[in-house]
Amino acid sequence: MAQVQRMSRLMVKTLRDDPADAETLNHKLLVRAGYVRRTAAGIWTWLPLGKKVYENVARVVREEMDAIGGQEVLLPALLPKEPYEASGRYEEYGDLLFRLKDRKGSDYLLGPTHEEIFTQVVKDQCSSYKDLPVILYQIQTKYRDEARPRAGVLRGREFQMKDSYSFDASDEGLAEAYALHRAAYQRIFERLGLDYRIVSAVSGAMGGSASEEFLAPAPAGEDTFVDCPECDYAANTEAVTFALKPVPADGHAAVEELDTPDTPTIETLAEHLGVPASATLKNLLVKVDGEIVAVGVPGDREVDLGKLGEHLAPAEVELVTAEDFVGRDDLVRGYVGPQGLEKVRYIADPRVAPGTSWITGANKADKHARNVVCGRDFEVDDYVDVVVVEAGDPCPACGAGLKLDRAIEIGHIFQLGRKYADTFQLDVLGQNGKPVRVTMGSYGIGVSRAVAALVEQTADEQGLCWSKEIAPADVHIVAAGKAVQTELALDVAEQLNAAGVRVLVDDRTGVSPGVKFTDAELIGVPTILVAGRRSADGVVELKDRRSGEREELSVADAIARLTA
């Protein structure tokens, strides 16, 4: 039987004021309520109350992973670089990767995610189709060297994550494992009490094909997603697509060169000509693995460099600098147009469709061109949806105007396919006696992130507000201060504890009732029991932390209700 948690003995220090550097609710309240302590930028210590909440989240995750046949393992966090070099991710992760050398000069890294190592484990342990399917998972600390760790435990350089991996001998098996994880994630987030959305996503450095994110809407979220008010479409902004809709190219006037001095920007050009920015064609120059590439979008839209990078991954994308124009007479800064660009690859957003007519650069200083028609005067090498998504953009499913919302990414699932199996030649002997290449799925849940997301979604003006499933205790008993009240509080605590109810009792001496009540609200246990002015009569007060509803009951009735 667990012991009663007594605040007179518990290491918990509550604060009245928010930390000076705190901007988000989880940062403010988890520190003020004594759940976490900042060790360094993006590195947090989980104190006793915080550790209990974290473990409760992890328990829910474990139970649902075990329910779909997952087998828990624990891989090292300190990893050799060779597997990540083989997959290409040692370079792809760039500055996000913590790299180090041992005393012999060998290169290592702190694991950001473990696809490579899990693949090697299965290659060593599984040799036949009879060994599959298998789902392995772990709950472990991950490391990413974030440039600007912030938002409390929401975005750290060290964070806790559940990552699982499925291994199947067929694509049909992968689809089944993906569906099992998707349903398990829904159960997990529903049990945690999170409001969430499932959205289409891109795979990025993880690789693979099908990908979905689980997002918890919250103002503190760093992800922007769209959802449609008319249908069930929802997607990360990087995954939103716009259909290519060619229009007839005939009927357009011939190209006309315009004298446009001192108009190197869309804004100055539109003002000079008295036309809307949407009539112009913006041509952004970037370098893709060192090669200059032009990206065309309507003049009233911005290029989403993150979206462009995701589409072109693993290639490195960066903006051109003034030095890149040296020796390039074909590139006139501020006056670039797609017509006549013979040495430059041209990528365009689908809104720059064949048959559309534009005002764009004439590839001469202080000159632009009118009536430049896509498909007649220039060709697009590749169409990639790269504009920054805006509210009101058409839904890809039904055409209605999309809404934009902020959210916290709490889970991500991928159908990796054979990307890592190919890298490490992960084969098993098939039913026909011939080698079969294994196909994989990768599935992550941010355990520490889920704690932060719960705070962002459920906290109120008084403090934290946990559900019973996640709270560090079921009941927070407050002894108002007098000896008879403290005696009753401890007696009730022992009775509840004996009945299997998790109890936190505030039995501190020398602390005013007002401070105890404030701390009870701040700490956020779902039910507060007060041994107050009617303790001598055997009457206590029950308060629901979330609704604020109060009720006076006899001790016997209160215990009966709390143990029902």
Protein backbone atom coordinates (compact mmCIF):
# COMPACT_ATOMS: atom_id res chain seq x y z
CA MET A 1 0.00 0.00 0.00
CA ALA A 2 1.31 3.45 -0.91
CA GLN A 3 1.91 5.95 1.87
CA VAL A 4 -0.17 9.09 2.28
CA GLN A 5 1.63 12.04 0.73
CA ARG A 6 2.03 14.63 3.49
CA MET A 7 2.96 18.12 2.40
CA SER A 8 4.84 18.62 5.66
CA ARG A 9 7.31 16.04 4.33
CA LEU A 10 6.93 16.46 0.56
CA MET A 11 9.58 18.36 -1.38
CA VAL A 12 7.32 20.96 -2.93
CA LYS A 13 7.87 24.71 -2.98
CA THR A 14 5.04 26.76 -4.45
CA LEU A 15 5.50 30.29 -5.75
CA ARG A 16 3.06 33.19 -5.79
CA ASP A 17 4.52 34.86 -8.88
CA ASP A 18 5.29 33.60 -12.37
CA PRO A 19 8.94 33.07 -13.33
CA ALA A 20 10.28 36.20 -15.01
CA ASP A 21 11.12 34.40 -18.26
CA ALA A 22 7.89 32.37 -18.49
CA GLU A 23 5.57 33.04 -21.43
CA THR A 24 3.37 29.94 -21.58
CA LEU A 25 0.93 28.49 -19.05
CA ASN A 26 2.83 25.23 -18.63
CA HIS A 27 6.06 27.09 -17.88
CA LYS A 28 4.38 29.40 -15.38
CA LEU A 29 2.21 26.88 -13.56
CA LEU A 30 4.43 23.80 -13.48
CA VAL A 31 7.18 25.92 -11.91
CA ARG A 32 4.86 27.79 -9.53
CA ALA A 33 3.16 24.57 -8.38
CA GLY A 34 6.50 22.87 -7.68
CA TYR A 35 6.24 20.24 -10.42
CA VAL A 36 9.44 21.05 -12.34
CA ARG A 37 12.62 23.05 -11.95
CA ARG A 38 14.73 24.57 -14.70
CA THR A 39 18.25 23.13 -14.72
CA ALA A 40 19.49 24.90 -17.86
CA ALA A 41 17.97 26.26 -21.08
CA GLY A 42 15.68 23.52 -22.39
CA ILE A 43 16.64 21.08 -19.59
CA TRP A 44 14.22 20.36 -16.76
CA THR A 45 14.17 18.45 -13.48
CA TRP A 46 10.91 16.67 -12.69
CA LEU A 47 10.18 17.12 -8.98
CA PRO A 48 8.06 14.62 -6.97
CA LEU A 49 4.61 15.93 -7.98
CA GLY A 50 5.69 16.42 -11.59
CA LYS A 51 7.24 12.97 -11.76
CA LYS A 52 3.95 11.42 -10.63
CA VAL A 53 2.03 13.21 -13.39
CA TYR A 54 4.67 12.26 -15.96
CA GLU A 55 4.54 8.61 -14.87
CA ASN A 56 0.74 8.60 -15.05
CA VAL A 57 0.91 9.76 -18.65
CA ALA A 58 3.56 7.12 -19.37
CA ARG A 59 1.38 4.46 -17.72
CA VAL A 60 -1.56 5.25 -20.01
CA VAL A 61 0.75 5.09 -23.02
CA ARG A 62 2.20 1.74 -21.89
CA GLU A 63 -1.20 0.20 -21.26
CA GLU A 64 -2.48 1.09 -24.72
CA MET A 65 0.75 0.04 -26.44
CA ASP A 66 0.67 -3.30 -24.64
CA ALA A 67 -2.98 -3.70 -25.70
CA ILE A 68 -2.00 -3.73 -29.40
CA GLY A 69 0.78 -6.26 -28.82
CA GLY A 70 3.67 -3.84 -28.35
CA GLN A 71 6.77 -5.15 -26.58
CA GLU A 72 8.69 -2.65 -24.47
CA VAL A 73 12.46 -2.41 -24.78
CA LEU A 74 15.04 0.19 -23.78
CA LEU A 75 17.70 1.25 -26.25
CA PRO A 76 20.73 3.37 -25.37
CA ALA A 77 20.59 7.14 -25.71
CA LEU A 78 24.34 7.30 -26.45
CA LEU A 79 24.72 5.99 -29.99
CA PRO A 80 27.52 5.42 -32.52
CA LYS A 81 27.38 7.69 -35.55
CA GLU A 82 27.81 4.94 -38.18
CA PRO A 83 24.13 3.85 -38.39
CA TYR A 84 23.07 7.48 -38.80
CA GLU A 85 25.72 8.07 -41.43
CA ALA A 86 24.41 5.04 -43.32
CA SER A 87 20.87 6.48 -43.35
CA GLY A 88 22.09 9.98 -44.21
CA ARG A 89 20.55 11.51 -41.11
CA TYR A 90 23.88 12.29 -39.44
CA GLU A 91 24.15 15.17 -41.89
CA GLU A 92 20.42 15.82 -42.40
CA TYR A 93 19.85 16.64 -38.74
CA GLY A 94 22.54 19.31 -38.93
CA ASP A 95 22.88 21.46 -35.81
CA LEU A 96 19.95 19.72 -34.10
CA LEU A 97 22.17 16.72 -33.37
CA PHE A 98 24.23 16.51 -30.16
CA ARG A 99 27.60 15.12 -31.30
CA LEU A 100 30.48 14.01 -29.10
CA LYS A 101 33.68 11.97 -29.08
CA ASP A 102 34.85 9.40 -26.58
CA ARG A 103 38.39 9.35 -25.16
CA LYS A 104 39.56 7.30 -28.15
CA GLY A 105 38.26 9.85 -30.63
CA SER A 106 35.32 7.77 -31.83
CA ASP A 107 32.22 9.73 -32.85
CA TYR A 108 28.92 9.35 -31.01
CA LEU A 109 25.61 11.18 -30.78
CA LEU A 110 22.73 11.54 -28.35
CA GLY A 111 19.71 9.89 -29.95
CA PRO A 112 17.09 12.22 -31.44
CA THR A 113 15.06 9.19 -32.58
CA HIS A 114 15.91 5.51 -33.04
CA GLU A 115 14.78 4.13 -36.43
CA GLU A 116 18.29 3.04 -37.34
CA ILE A 117 18.98 1.22 -34.08
CA PHE A 118 15.61 -0.54 -33.96
CA THR A 119 16.20 -1.73 -37.53
CA GLN A 120 19.53 -3.21 -36.50
CA VAL A 121 17.96 -4.90 -33.46
CA VAL A 122 15.31 -6.61 -35.59
CA LYS A 123 17.88 -7.57 -38.22
CA ASP A 124 19.82 -9.35 -35.45
CA GLN A 125 16.78 -10.97 -33.79
CA CYS A 126 14.39 -11.83 -36.65
CA SER A 127 15.33 -14.05 -39.58
CA SER A 128 12.03 -15.56 -40.79
CA TYR A 129 8.58 -14.34 -41.75
CA LYS A 130 7.44 -16.45 -38.78
CA ASP A 131 9.16 -13.89 -36.49
CA LEU A 132 6.90 -11.14 -37.83
CA PRO A 133 4.88 -9.03 -37.36
CA VAL A 134 6.49 -7.38 -34.35
CA ILE A 135 5.87 -4.03 -32.61
CA LEU A 136 8.63 -2.72 -30.35
CA TYR A 137 8.47 0.44 -28.27
CA GLN A 138 10.34 2.38 -25.62
CA ILE A 139 9.76 5.41 -23.40
CA GLN A 140 13.03 7.22 -23.23
CA THR A 141 14.81 10.57 -23.17
CA LYS A 142 15.60 12.10 -26.54
CA TYR A 143 17.97 14.93 -27.37
CA ARG A 144 17.81 17.74 -29.92
CA ASP A 145 19.97 20.86 -29.77
CA GLU A 146 17.17 23.38 -30.25
CA ALA A 147 18.43 26.85 -31.13
CA ARG A 148 15.78 28.53 -28.97
CA PRO A 149 14.42 26.13 -26.33
CA ARG A 150 11.38 27.77 -24.80
CA ALA A 151 7.80 27.30 -23.62
CA GLY A 152 8.73 25.28 -20.54
CA VAL A 153 8.73 21.52 -21.04
CA LEU A 154 6.98 22.01 -24.37
CA ARG A 155 10.16 22.61 -26.34
CA GLY A 156 13.30 21.35 -24.67
CA ARG A 157 16.71 20.10 -25.70
CA GLU A 158 16.07 16.99 -23.61
CA PHE A 159 12.58 15.52 -23.66
CA GLN A 160 10.72 12.29 -22.94
CA MET A 161 9.12 10.38 -25.78
CA LYS A 162 7.46 7.08 -26.57
CA ASP A 163 8.68 5.81 -29.91
CA SER A 164 7.44 2.54 -31.37
CA TYR A 165 8.25 0.70 -34.57
CA SER A 166 6.37 -1.94 -36.48
CA PHE A 167 8.04 -4.54 -38.69
CA ASP A 168 6.04 -6.51 -41.27
CA ALA A 169 6.72 -8.75 -44.22
CA SER A 170 4.10 -7.05 -46.41
CA ASP A 171 2.56 -3.67 -47.15
CA GLU A 172 -0.78 -5.02 -45.96
CA GLY A 173 0.80 -5.81 -42.61
CA LEU A 174 2.21 -2.28 -42.37
CA ALA A 175 -1.23 -0.82 -43.07
CA GLU A 176 -2.68 -2.94 -40.26
CA ALA A 177 0.05 -1.90 -37.80
CA TYR A 178 -0.49 1.74 -38.77
CA ALA A 179 -4.24 1.39 -38.13
CA LEU A 180 -3.58 -0.27 -34.76
CA HIS A 181 -1.34 2.59 -33.68
CA ARG A 182 -3.77 5.22 -34.95
CA ALA A 183 -6.59 3.72 -32.88
CA ALA A 184 -4.31 3.29 -29.84
CA TYR A 185 -3.30 6.97 -30.04
CA GLN A 186 -6.94 7.99 -30.10
CA ARG A 187 -7.57 5.96 -26.94
CA ILE A 188 -4.47 7.39 -25.26
CA PHE A 189 -5.37 11.02 -25.89
CA GLU A 190 -8.99 10.46 -24.92
CA ARG A 191 -7.92 8.87 -21.64
CA LEU A 192 -5.53 11.75 -20.99
CA GLY A 193 -8.39 14.19 -21.52
CA LEU A 194 -6.75 16.01 -24.43
CA ASP A 195 -8.69 17.82 -27.12
CA TYR A 196 -6.90 16.77 -30.30
CA ARG A 197 -7.10 16.72 -34.09
CA ILE A 198 -5.70 14.15 -36.51
CA VAL A 199 -4.18 15.94 -39.50
CA SER A 200 -2.35 15.00 -42.67
CA ALA A 201 1.36 15.72 -42.43
CA VAL A 202 4.68 15.43 -44.25
CA SER A 203 7.37 12.97 -43.24
CA GLY A 204 10.42 15.25 -43.41
CA ALA A 205 13.72 13.80 -42.16
CA MET A 206 11.90 10.69 -40.93
CA GLY A 207 11.31 9.52 -44.48
CA GLY A 208 8.51 7.27 -45.68
CA SER A 209 5.13 7.91 -47.25
CA ALA A 210 1.87 8.17 -45.30
CA SER A 211 2.09 10.43 -42.27
CA GLU A 212 -0.39 11.92 -39.79
CA GLU A 213 0.02 14.22 -36.80
CA PHE A 214 -2.01 14.37 -33.61
CA LEU A 215 -2.34 18.03 -32.62
CA ALA A 216 -3.67 19.57 -29.41
CA PRO A 217 -5.15 23.00 -30.23
CA ALA A 218 -3.67 25.66 -27.92
CA PRO A 219 -2.53 29.29 -28.30
CA ALA A 220 0.97 28.25 -27.14
CA GLY A 221 1.28 25.72 -29.97
CA GLU A 222 4.15 26.06 -32.42
CA ASP A 223 2.38 24.20 -35.22
CA THR A 224 -0.18 25.83 -37.46
CA PHE A 225 -2.84 23.60 -38.94
CA VAL A 226 -5.90 24.08 -41.10
CA ASP A 227 -9.32 22.58 -40.73
CA CYS A 228 -12.40 22.91 -42.87
CA PRO A 229 -15.67 24.13 -41.32
CA GLU A 230 -17.68 22.29 -44.00
CA CYS A 231 -16.03 18.84 -44.05
CA ASP A 232 -13.65 16.73 -41.94
CA TYR A 233 -10.46 17.82 -43.77
CA ALA A 234 -7.57 18.83 -41.49
CA ALA A 235 -3.86 19.09 -42.23
CA ASN A 236 -0.60 20.57 -41.10
CA THR A 237 -0.02 23.69 -43.23
CA GLU A 238 3.02 22.00 -44.78
CA ALA A 239 0.77 19.21 -46.09
CA VAL A 240 -1.94 21.40 -47.63
CA THR A 241 -2.08 21.09 -51.42
CA PHE A 242 -3.61 23.21 -54.15
CA ALA A 243 -4.83 21.53 -57.32
CA LEU A 244 -3.13 22.47 -60.58
CA LYS A 245 -5.83 23.96 -62.82
CA PRO A 246 -4.58 24.84 -66.31
CA VAL A 247 -6.51 27.50 -68.21
CA PRO A 248 -6.63 28.17 -71.98
CA ALA A 249 -3.47 29.95 -73.12
CA ASP A 250 -4.97 31.52 -76.23
CA GLY A 251 -6.31 35.07 -76.33
CA HIS A 252 -3.43 36.63 -74.40
CA ALA A 253 -1.62 39.64 -75.83
CA ALA A 254 2.03 39.46 -76.77
CA VAL A 255 4.70 40.03 -74.14
CA GLU A 256 5.22 43.75 -73.52
CA GLU A 257 8.36 45.12 -71.91
CA LEU A 258 7.73 47.86 -69.33
CA ASP A 259 10.00 50.59 -68.04
CA THR A 260 9.85 50.19 -64.26
CA PRO A 261 12.75 52.04 -62.60
CA ASP A 262 13.44 51.45 -58.91
CA THR A 263 10.84 48.66 -58.51
CA PRO A 264 12.82 45.65 -57.24
CA THR A 265 10.03 44.52 -54.90
CA ILE A 266 6.46 43.39 -55.50
CA GLU A 267 5.17 46.30 -53.42
CA THR A 268 7.04 48.96 -55.41
CA LEU A 269 6.13 47.32 -58.72
CA ALA A 270 2.41 47.07 -57.92
CA GLU A 271 2.31 50.70 -56.78
CA HIS A 272 4.21 51.90 -59.86
CA LEU A 273 1.88 50.11 -62.28
CA GLY A 274 -1.31 50.57 -60.27
CA VAL A 275 -2.08 46.85 -60.27
CA PRO A 276 -2.83 44.41 -57.43
CA ALA A 277 0.08 42.31 -56.20
CA SER A 278 -1.87 39.23 -57.25
CA ALA A 279 -1.32 40.20 -60.90
CA THR A 280 2.43 39.91 -60.50
CA LEU A 281 4.70 36.87 -60.38
CA LYS A 282 7.21 36.70 -57.55
CA ASN A 283 10.40 34.76 -58.32
CA LEU A 284 12.40 33.85 -55.24
CA LEU A 285 15.94 32.58 -55.77
CA VAL A 286 17.22 29.86 -53.46
CA LYS A 287 20.12 27.44 -53.47
CA VAL A 288 19.33 23.73 -53.40
CA ASP A 289 22.50 21.82 -52.48
CA GLY A 290 24.41 24.81 -53.86
CA GLU A 291 22.53 25.04 -57.18
CA ILE A 292 20.52 28.22 -57.81
CA VAL A 293 16.82 27.48 -58.29
CA ALA A 294 13.98 29.95 -58.95
CA VAL A 295 10.65 29.51 -57.14
CA GLY A 296 7.60 31.22 -58.65
CA VAL A 297 4.49 32.18 -56.67
CA PRO A 298 1.77 34.81 -57.12
CA GLY A 299 2.99 38.21 -55.99
CA ASP A 300 0.49 38.48 -53.15
CA ARG A 301 1.70 35.23 -51.54
CA GLU A 302 4.81 34.33 -49.56
CA VAL A 303 7.03 31.29 -50.07
CA ASP A 304 6.94 28.89 -47.12
CA LEU A 305 10.62 27.97 -46.87
CA GLY A 306 9.85 25.17 -44.40
CA LYS A 307 7.35 23.68 -46.82
CA LEU A 308 9.82 24.03 -49.70
CA GLY A 309 12.52 22.37 -47.61
CA GLU A 310 10.23 19.47 -46.72
CA HIS A 311 9.39 18.87 -50.38
CA LEU A 312 13.04 18.99 -51.45
CA ALA A 313 14.45 17.00 -48.49
CA PRO A 314 17.06 15.72 -47.98
CA ALA A 315 18.55 18.49 -50.15
CA GLU A 316 19.65 21.61 -48.24
CA VAL A 317 17.73 24.77 -49.12
CA GLU A 318 19.01 28.29 -48.39
CA LEU A 319 18.39 31.79 -49.70
CA VAL A 320 20.81 33.31 -52.22
CA THR A 321 23.08 36.17 -51.17
CA ALA A 322 24.51 39.11 -53.09
CA GLU A 323 27.64 37.06 -53.77
CA ASP A 324 25.60 34.51 -55.75
CA PHE A 325 24.80 37.14 -58.40
CA VAL A 326 28.47 37.78 -59.15
CA GLY A 327 29.30 36.50 -62.64
CA ARG A 328 25.65 35.66 -63.36
CA ASP A 329 24.56 38.13 -66.05
CA ASP A 330 21.40 36.09 -66.56
CA LEU A 331 20.22 36.90 -63.04
CA VAL A 332 19.30 40.55 -62.42
CA ARG A 333 18.54 41.10 -58.75
CA GLY A 334 14.98 42.34 -58.24
CA TYR A 335 14.05 41.88 -61.91
CA VAL A 336 14.16 38.12 -62.46
CA GLY A 337 11.53 36.58 -64.73
CA PRO A 338 11.06 32.91 -65.69
CA GLN A 339 11.12 33.63 -69.43
CA GLY A 340 14.62 33.15 -70.80
CA LEU A 341 16.01 31.47 -67.68
CA GLU A 342 17.95 28.75 -69.46
CA LYS A 343 20.49 27.85 -66.78
CA VAL A 344 18.16 27.86 -63.80
CA ARG A 345 15.70 25.19 -62.70
CA TYR A 346 12.23 26.73 -62.30
CA ILE A 347 9.87 25.48 -59.58
CA ALA A 348 6.40 26.99 -59.33
CA ASP A 349 3.39 26.83 -57.08
CA PRO A 350 0.33 25.21 -58.75
CA ARG A 351 -1.33 28.65 -58.75
CA VAL A 352 1.13 29.50 -61.53
CA ALA A 353 -0.78 27.17 -63.83
CA PRO A 354 -0.36 26.73 -67.60
CA GLY A 355 -2.31 29.47 -69.37
CA THR A 356 -2.07 32.03 -66.56
CA SER A 357 -0.70 35.49 -67.47
CA TRP A 358 1.63 37.55 -65.28
CA ILE A 359 3.60 40.72 -64.84
CA THR A 360 7.12 39.67 -63.91
CA GLY A 361 10.77 40.62 -64.21
CA ALA A 362 12.23 41.10 -67.70
CA ASN A 363 15.71 39.96 -66.65
CA LYS A 364 16.97 43.50 -67.25
CA ALA A 365 17.65 46.18 -64.69
CA ASP A 366 14.62 48.49 -64.14
CA LYS A 367 12.52 46.47 -66.60
CA HIS A 368 9.48 44.21 -66.17
CA ALA A 369 7.33 42.36 -68.67
CA ARG A 370 3.55 42.18 -69.03
CA ASN A 371 1.49 39.32 -70.54
CA VAL A 372 4.06 36.65 -69.67
CA VAL A 373 2.06 33.42 -70.05
CA CYS A 374 2.94 30.14 -68.39
CA GLY A 375 3.28 27.41 -71.01
CA ARG A 376 3.67 29.92 -73.83
CA ASP A 377 6.56 32.11 -72.70
CA PHE A 378 8.08 29.90 -70.02
CA GLU A 379 7.90 26.33 -68.76
CA VAL A 380 7.78 25.04 -65.19
CA ASP A 381 10.24 22.24 -64.41
CA ASP A 382 8.46 21.11 -61.25
CA TYR A 383 5.21 22.05 -59.53
CA VAL A 384 5.44 22.15 -55.74
CA ASP A 385 2.84 23.65 -53.38
CA VAL A 386 5.05 26.12 -51.52
CA VAL A 387 2.99 29.19 -50.59
CA VAL A 388 2.27 30.09 -46.98
CA VAL A 389 -1.28 28.88 -46.36
CA GLU A 390 -3.76 31.64 -45.50
CA ALA A 391 -7.18 31.59 -43.89
CA GLY A 392 -9.81 31.35 -46.60
CA ASP A 393 -7.70 29.25 -48.99
CA PRO A 394 -9.87 26.58 -50.62
CA CYS A 395 -10.22 23.24 -48.90
CA PRO A 396 -8.59 20.53 -51.08
CA ALA A 397 -11.52 18.22 -50.30
CA CYS A 398 -14.60 20.41 -50.73
CA GLY A 399 -13.47 23.90 -51.76
CA ALA A 400 -14.77 25.76 -48.69
CA GLY A 401 -12.58 28.39 -47.03
CA LEU A 402 -10.08 26.91 -44.56
CA LYS A 403 -9.53 28.06 -40.97
CA LEU A 404 -6.10 28.44 -39.37
CA ASP A 405 -5.40 27.38 -35.76
CA ARG A 406 -2.38 26.96 -33.48
CA ALA A 407 -1.66 23.59 -31.89
CA ILE A 408 0.89 21.48 -30.03
CA GLU A 409 2.13 18.35 -31.78
CA ILE A 410 1.58 15.49 -29.31
CA GLY A 411 1.93 12.51 -31.64
CA HIS A 412 3.10 11.59 -35.13
CA ILE A 413 2.73 8.34 -37.04
CA PHE A 414 4.57 7.35 -40.23
CA GLN A 415 4.42 4.56 -42.75
CA LEU A 416 8.16 4.43 -43.31
CA GLY A 417 8.03 1.63 -45.85
CA ARG A 418 11.44 0.18 -46.69
CA LYS A 419 13.64 3.27 -46.34
CA TYR A 420 15.59 1.96 -43.35
CA ALA A 421 15.19 -1.70 -44.26
CA ASP A 422 16.91 -0.91 -47.58
CA THR A 423 19.69 0.98 -45.80
CA PHE A 424 20.46 -1.92 -43.46
CA GLN A 425 19.34 -4.75 -45.78
CA LEU A 426 16.71 -5.96 -43.34
CA ASP A 427 15.39 -9.16 -44.93
CA VAL A 428 13.64 -12.23 -43.57
CA LEU A 429 13.15 -15.59 -45.20
CA GLY A 430 9.69 -15.63 -46.84
CA GLN A 431 7.17 -18.44 -47.11
CA ASN A 432 8.64 -19.44 -50.48
CA GLY A 433 12.14 -19.68 -49.05
CA LYS A 434 13.29 -16.44 -50.71
CA PRO A 435 14.40 -13.24 -48.93
CA VAL A 436 11.66 -10.67 -48.27
CA ARG A 437 12.48 -7.03 -47.55
CA VAL A 438 10.79 -5.93 -44.29
CA THR A 439 8.55 -2.85 -44.25
CA MET A 440 8.39 -0.51 -41.25
CA GLY A 441 6.26 2.02 -39.43
CA SER A 442 7.39 4.62 -36.89
CA TYR A 443 5.10 6.10 -34.24
CA GLY A 444 5.92 8.76 -31.66
CA ILE A 445 4.19 10.36 -28.68
CA GLY A 446 5.73 13.21 -26.73
CA VAL A 447 5.17 12.12 -23.13
CA SER A 448 6.56 15.29 -21.55
CA ARG A 449 4.86 17.31 -24.28
CA ALA A 450 1.54 15.71 -23.38
CA VAL A 451 1.95 16.98 -19.82
CA ALA A 452 2.56 20.50 -21.14
CA ALA A 453 -0.35 20.25 -23.58
CA LEU A 454 -2.70 19.20 -20.77
CA VAL A 455 -1.69 22.29 -18.80
CA GLU A 456 -2.19 24.56 -21.79
CA GLN A 457 -5.67 23.16 -22.45
CA THR A 458 -7.05 22.65 -18.94
CA ALA A 459 -5.48 25.18 -16.54
CA ASP A 460 -7.56 28.08 -15.25
CA GLU A 461 -6.89 31.35 -13.42
CA GLN A 462 -6.26 29.55 -10.13
CA GLY A 463 -3.75 27.03 -11.45
CA LEU A 464 -3.45 23.47 -12.71
CA CYS A 465 -6.54 21.34 -13.19
CA TRP A 466 -5.73 17.67 -13.72
CA SER A 467 -8.06 14.79 -14.59
CA LYS A 468 -8.15 11.88 -12.14
CA GLU A 469 -6.27 9.65 -14.60
CA ILE A 470 -3.25 11.98 -14.64
CA ALA A 471 -3.31 13.86 -11.31
CA PRO A 472 -0.59 13.21 -8.69
CA ALA A 473 -3.37 12.29 -6.23
CA ASP A 474 -7.10 11.63 -6.29
CA VAL A 475 -7.88 13.85 -3.31
CA HIS A 476 -6.11 16.86 -1.81
CA ILE A 477 -7.03 17.14 1.88
CA VAL A 478 -6.54 20.55 3.48
CA ALA A 479 -6.29 20.80 7.27
CA ALA A 480 -7.33 24.40 7.95
CA GLY A 481 -4.88 24.76 10.81
CA LYS A 482 -6.17 23.86 14.27
CA ALA A 483 -5.13 20.63 15.95
CA VAL A 484 -8.58 19.07 15.70
CA GLN A 485 -8.68 19.86 11.99
CA THR A 486 -5.23 18.38 11.36
CA GLU A 487 -6.13 15.26 13.37
CA LEU A 488 -9.31 14.76 11.35
CA ALA A 489 -7.51 15.41 8.06
CA LEU A 490 -4.87 12.76 8.81
CA ASP A 491 -7.48 10.25 9.96
CA VAL A 492 -9.52 10.71 6.78
CA ALA A 493 -6.34 10.49 4.73
CA GLU A 494 -5.44 7.12 6.26
CA GLN A 495 -8.95 5.73 5.72
CA LEU A 496 -8.98 6.80 2.08
CA ASN A 497 -5.47 5.50 1.53
CA ALA A 498 -6.45 2.12 2.98
CA ALA A 499 -9.31 2.01 0.45
CA GLY A 500 -6.88 2.57 -2.45
CA VAL A 501 -7.51 6.29 -2.92
CA ARG A 502 -4.36 8.31 -3.62
CA VAL A 503 -4.19 11.13 -1.08
CA LEU A 504 -2.21 14.34 -0.74
CA VAL A 505 -2.80 15.94 2.67
CA ASP A 506 -1.72 19.46 3.61
CA ASP A 507 -0.77 19.02 7.24
CA ARG A 508 1.78 21.84 7.35
CA THR A 509 1.98 23.83 10.55
CA GLY A 510 2.59 27.56 10.61
CA VAL A 511 0.96 27.98 7.19
CA SER A 512 -2.23 30.02 7.01
CA PRO A 513 -5.48 28.46 5.72
CA GLY A 514 -5.50 30.99 2.88
CA VAL A 515 -2.09 29.84 1.63
CA LYS A 516 -3.18 26.19 1.88
CA PHE A 517 -6.36 26.84 -0.10
CA THR A 518 -4.40 28.78 -2.74
CA ASP A 519 -1.86 25.95 -3.01
CA ALA A 520 -4.64 23.37 -3.37
CA GLU A 521 -6.06 25.32 -6.32
CA LEU A 522 -2.59 25.76 -7.82
CA ILE A 523 -1.57 22.10 -7.51
CA GLY A 524 -4.75 21.03 -9.28
CA VAL A 525 -5.79 17.68 -7.76
CA PRO A 526 -9.37 17.00 -9.02
CA THR A 527 -11.07 16.81 -5.59
CA ILE A 528 -10.30 19.00 -2.58
CA LEU A 529 -11.49 17.93 0.88
CA VAL A 530 -11.35 20.62 3.58
CA ALA A 531 -11.23 19.82 7.28
CA GLY A 532 -12.34 23.23 8.44
CA ARG A 533 -14.59 25.02 10.91
CA ARG A 534 -17.01 22.05 11.36
CA SER A 535 -14.35 19.44 11.95
CA ALA A 536 -15.41 19.05 15.58
CA ASP A 537 -18.86 18.06 14.31
CA GLY A 538 -17.40 15.45 11.96
CA VAL A 539 -18.31 17.51 8.87
CA VAL A 540 -15.97 18.25 5.97
CA GLU A 541 -16.30 20.14 2.71
CA LEU A 542 -15.80 18.55 -0.71
CA LYS A 543 -14.88 20.79 -3.63
CA ASP A 544 -14.64 19.87 -7.29
CA ARG A 545 -11.47 21.57 -8.55
CA ARG A 546 -12.68 22.01 -12.12
CA SER A 547 -16.26 23.21 -11.56
CA GLY A 548 -15.72 24.88 -8.19
CA GLU A 549 -18.85 23.20 -6.77
CA ARG A 550 -18.76 22.73 -2.98
CA GLU A 551 -20.72 20.47 -0.65
CA GLU A 552 -20.64 19.79 3.10
CA LEU A 553 -20.81 16.11 4.09
CA SER A 554 -20.25 13.99 7.13
CA VAL A 555 -16.88 12.27 7.21
CA ALA A 556 -18.55 8.89 6.62
CA ASP A 557 -20.48 10.17 3.60
CA ALA A 558 -17.42 11.90 2.17
CA ILE A 559 -15.35 8.73 2.47
CA ALA A 560 -18.15 6.66 0.94
CA ARG A 561 -18.38 8.99 -2.03
CA LEU A 562 -14.65 9.12 -2.61
CA THR A 563 -14.28 5.34 -2.44
CA ALA A 564 -17.35 4.49 -4.53
